[in-house]
Amino acid sequence: MTQVVLFLDFDGVLHPDGEAALDENFRLLPNPNLFCWKGLLHEILEPHPEVQIIVSSDWRRFFDDENLVRLLGPLGSRFAGVVETLGSPRSQEILGEAARRSIERWVALDDHVSVHEAAKEDCRFIACDPRLGVSKPETQKALCKGLLAFWCRQPSFASRESEPEGCQVKAFIQRGDM
């Protein structure tokens, strides 16, 4: 089966943006809200064992590969490295990394402003609401649709309007969020 890559941000995707994460010495804080949606992403990806994760998050600057794998928990076995390009807008870093590695089948989950802009033209970019990340049902649908497009041999999945067949949306609402 052909490899598919998920370029993955952490803040605003696996937990709400703005969660306290690191202390003044760049050590991880014991915040139970960090990575609160990684189990949800694990469930969504479970039927797709060929999906590998490349971390595009700024966390790649503070943690080595071994610690990123640990932080990803059940997703850690999918870890395929980090985006090595630094300094460009996030969307350009992702495009550069895909080109550098000759990755043709990929999607990116990110809340960065450049990804929101890129998503208007390229549906491989899935822009997340920084407060809801992958817990938002529309984001889950977009991810499922993007992944299913590779197996259905669809050349494009530009339309975000239709419901992808076979997509299990794992609606996840934290108490007190609404």
Protein backbone atom coordinates (compact mmCIF):
# COMPACT_ATOMS: atom_id res chain seq x y z
CA MET A 1 0.00 0.00 0.00
CA THR A 2 1.23 3.49 -0.84
CA GLN A 3 2.41 5.66 2.01
CA VAL A 4 0.37 8.71 2.92
CA VAL A 5 1.79 11.45 5.12
CA LEU A 6 -0.03 13.58 7.64
CA PHE A 7 1.86 16.79 8.39
CA LEU A 8 0.80 17.46 11.97
CA ASP A 9 0.77 20.58 14.11
CA PHE A 10 0.20 20.24 17.87
CA ASP A 11 -1.10 23.55 19.27
CA GLY A 12 -4.58 24.22 17.95
CA VAL A 13 -4.82 20.70 16.53
CA LEU A 14 -4.16 18.11 19.28
CA HIS A 15 -5.15 20.53 22.05
CA PRO A 16 -6.55 24.07 22.16
CA ASP A 17 -4.10 26.79 21.18
CA GLY A 18 -2.80 28.77 24.14
CA GLU A 19 -2.61 25.87 26.61
CA ALA A 20 0.29 26.26 29.00
CA ALA A 21 2.89 23.81 27.73
CA LEU A 22 6.47 24.72 28.65
CA ASP A 23 8.09 26.34 31.64
CA GLU A 24 10.85 28.97 31.44
CA ASN A 25 13.43 26.18 30.96
CA PHE A 26 11.43 24.63 28.10
CA ARG A 27 10.36 21.64 30.20
CA LEU A 28 6.92 20.21 29.64
CA LEU A 29 4.33 21.35 32.18
CA PRO A 30 1.97 18.78 33.73
CA ASN A 31 -1.11 20.18 31.96
CA PRO A 32 -3.85 17.54 31.46
CA ASN A 33 -5.30 19.56 28.57
CA LEU A 34 -2.18 19.07 26.46
CA PHE A 35 -2.70 16.52 23.70
CA CYS A 36 -6.28 15.95 24.85
CA TRP A 37 -7.35 15.08 21.28
CA LYS A 38 -4.52 12.72 20.30
CA GLY A 39 -6.72 9.72 21.16
CA LEU A 40 -9.38 11.08 18.86
CA LEU A 41 -6.91 11.45 16.00
CA HIS A 42 -5.66 7.92 16.74
CA GLU A 43 -9.22 6.60 16.33
CA ILE A 44 -9.69 8.49 13.06
CA LEU A 45 -6.41 7.15 11.65
CA GLU A 46 -6.84 3.60 12.98
CA PRO A 47 -8.37 2.24 9.74
CA HIS A 48 -5.43 3.73 7.81
CA PRO A 49 -2.21 2.06 9.05
CA GLU A 50 -0.24 3.37 6.07
CA VAL A 51 -0.58 6.98 7.25
CA GLN A 52 2.72 8.26 8.63
CA ILE A 53 3.12 11.47 10.65
CA ILE A 54 5.65 14.18 10.00
CA VAL A 55 5.58 16.80 12.75
CA SER A 56 5.27 20.33 11.37
CA SER A 57 4.58 21.89 14.77
CA ASP A 58 6.98 24.37 16.36
CA TRP A 59 7.37 21.71 19.06
CA ARG A 60 9.92 20.13 16.69
CA ARG A 61 12.28 22.95 17.68
CA PHE A 62 12.14 22.09 21.40
CA PHE A 63 11.98 18.27 21.43
CA ASP A 64 14.06 15.59 19.75
CA ASP A 65 12.51 12.74 17.77
CA GLU A 66 12.42 10.36 20.73
CA ASN A 67 10.47 12.84 22.86
CA LEU A 68 8.12 13.74 20.00
CA VAL A 69 7.29 10.03 19.65
CA ARG A 70 6.60 9.90 23.40
CA LEU A 71 4.38 13.00 23.23
CA LEU A 72 2.39 11.48 20.37
CA GLY A 73 1.48 8.50 22.55
CA PRO A 74 -0.60 6.01 20.52
CA LEU A 75 0.27 7.94 17.36
CA GLY A 76 4.02 7.59 18.01
CA SER A 77 4.41 4.43 15.91
CA ARG A 78 3.41 6.52 12.88
CA PHE A 79 6.21 9.06 13.43
CA ALA A 80 8.27 9.55 10.26
CA GLY A 81 10.25 12.63 11.23
CA VAL A 82 9.92 16.38 11.33
CA VAL A 83 9.67 19.18 8.81
CA GLU A 84 13.28 20.27 8.48
CA THR A 85 12.62 23.57 6.70
CA LEU A 86 12.53 26.50 9.11
CA GLY A 87 11.78 30.17 8.69
CA SER A 88 9.15 30.13 5.98
CA PRO A 89 5.41 30.40 6.56
CA ARG A 90 4.19 27.00 7.75
CA SER A 91 2.40 26.19 4.50
CA GLN A 92 5.64 26.77 2.57
CA GLU A 93 7.60 24.65 5.04
CA ILE A 94 5.16 21.79 4.42
CA LEU A 95 5.26 22.19 0.63
CA GLY A 96 9.06 22.31 0.75
CA GLU A 97 9.28 19.19 2.91
CA ALA A 98 6.87 17.28 0.65
CA ALA A 99 9.00 18.23 -2.36
CA ARG A 100 12.29 17.45 -0.59
CA ARG A 101 11.07 13.97 0.36
CA SER A 102 9.19 13.41 -2.92
CA ILE A 103 5.93 12.88 -1.04
CA GLU A 104 2.98 12.96 -3.39
CA ARG A 105 0.20 11.80 -1.07
CA TRP A 106 -0.17 14.02 1.93
CA VAL A 107 -2.53 16.13 4.00
CA ALA A 108 -1.69 18.72 6.64
CA LEU A 109 -3.63 19.45 9.84
CA ASP A 110 -2.66 22.87 11.16
CA ASP A 111 -4.12 26.05 12.63
CA HIS A 112 -1.37 28.37 11.32
CA VAL A 113 -2.65 31.43 9.44
CA SER A 114 -0.64 30.47 6.33
CA VAL A 115 -2.40 27.10 6.28
CA HIS A 116 -5.80 28.82 6.45
CA GLU A 117 -4.76 30.80 3.36
CA ALA A 118 -3.29 27.79 1.56
CA ALA A 119 -6.44 25.74 2.27
CA LYS A 120 -8.43 28.11 0.05
CA GLU A 121 -6.47 26.86 -2.97
CA ASP A 122 -5.18 23.41 -1.97
CA CYS A 123 -7.44 20.99 -0.12
CA ARG A 124 -4.49 18.97 1.15
CA PHE A 125 -4.20 21.75 3.72
CA ILE A 126 -6.83 21.26 6.42
CA ALA A 127 -7.12 24.41 8.51
CA CYS A 128 -8.12 23.86 12.12
CA ASP A 129 -10.04 26.15 14.43
CA PRO A 130 -7.37 26.82 17.08
CA ARG A 131 -9.89 26.41 19.90
CA LEU A 132 -11.29 23.09 18.67
CA GLY A 133 -8.56 21.46 16.60
CA VAL A 134 -9.32 17.95 15.44
CA SER A 135 -12.29 17.75 17.81
CA LYS A 136 -14.34 19.86 15.38
CA PRO A 137 -16.56 17.55 13.25
CA GLU A 138 -15.94 19.59 10.09
CA THR A 139 -12.19 19.11 10.52
CA GLN A 140 -12.67 15.38 10.99
CA LYS A 141 -14.77 15.23 7.82
CA ALA A 142 -12.14 17.14 5.85
CA LEU A 143 -9.42 14.77 7.10
CA CYS A 144 -11.47 11.67 6.28
CA LYS A 145 -12.28 13.06 2.86
CA GLY A 146 -8.63 13.83 2.21
CA LEU A 147 -7.52 10.34 3.23
CA LEU A 148 -10.30 8.58 1.34
CA ALA A 149 -9.43 10.47 -1.84
CA PHE A 150 -6.14 8.57 -1.97
CA TRP A 151 -7.83 5.17 -1.80
CA CYS A 152 -10.61 6.07 -4.21
CA ARG A 153 -7.98 7.25 -6.71
CA GLN A 154 -9.66 10.63 -6.91
CA PRO A 155 -7.31 13.15 -8.51
CA SER A 156 -8.72 15.92 -6.39
CA PHE A 157 -10.91 16.35 -3.39
CA ALA A 158 -11.52 20.04 -3.87
CA SER A 159 -15.18 19.97 -2.93
CA ARG A 160 -15.64 20.17 0.82
CA GLU A 161 -19.41 20.07 0.49
CA SER A 162 -20.09 16.37 0.00
CA GLU A 163 -19.96 13.90 2.85
CA PRO A 164 -17.19 11.32 2.34
CA GLU A 165 -18.55 7.78 2.28
CA GLY A 166 -17.13 5.51 4.93
CA CYS A 167 -15.99 8.40 7.10
CA GLN A 168 -16.58 7.96 10.79
CA VAL A 169 -16.76 11.36 12.42
CA LYS A 170 -15.88 11.12 16.09
CA ALA A 171 -17.70 14.12 17.49
CA PHE A 172 -15.93 15.05 20.68
CA ILE A 173 -17.18 17.80 22.92
CA GLN A 174 -15.41 18.62 26.13
CA ARG A 175 -17.61 19.57 29.04
CA GLY A 176 -17.78 23.33 29.37
CA ASP A 177 -16.60 24.05 25.82
CA MET A 178 -20.00 25.04 24.48
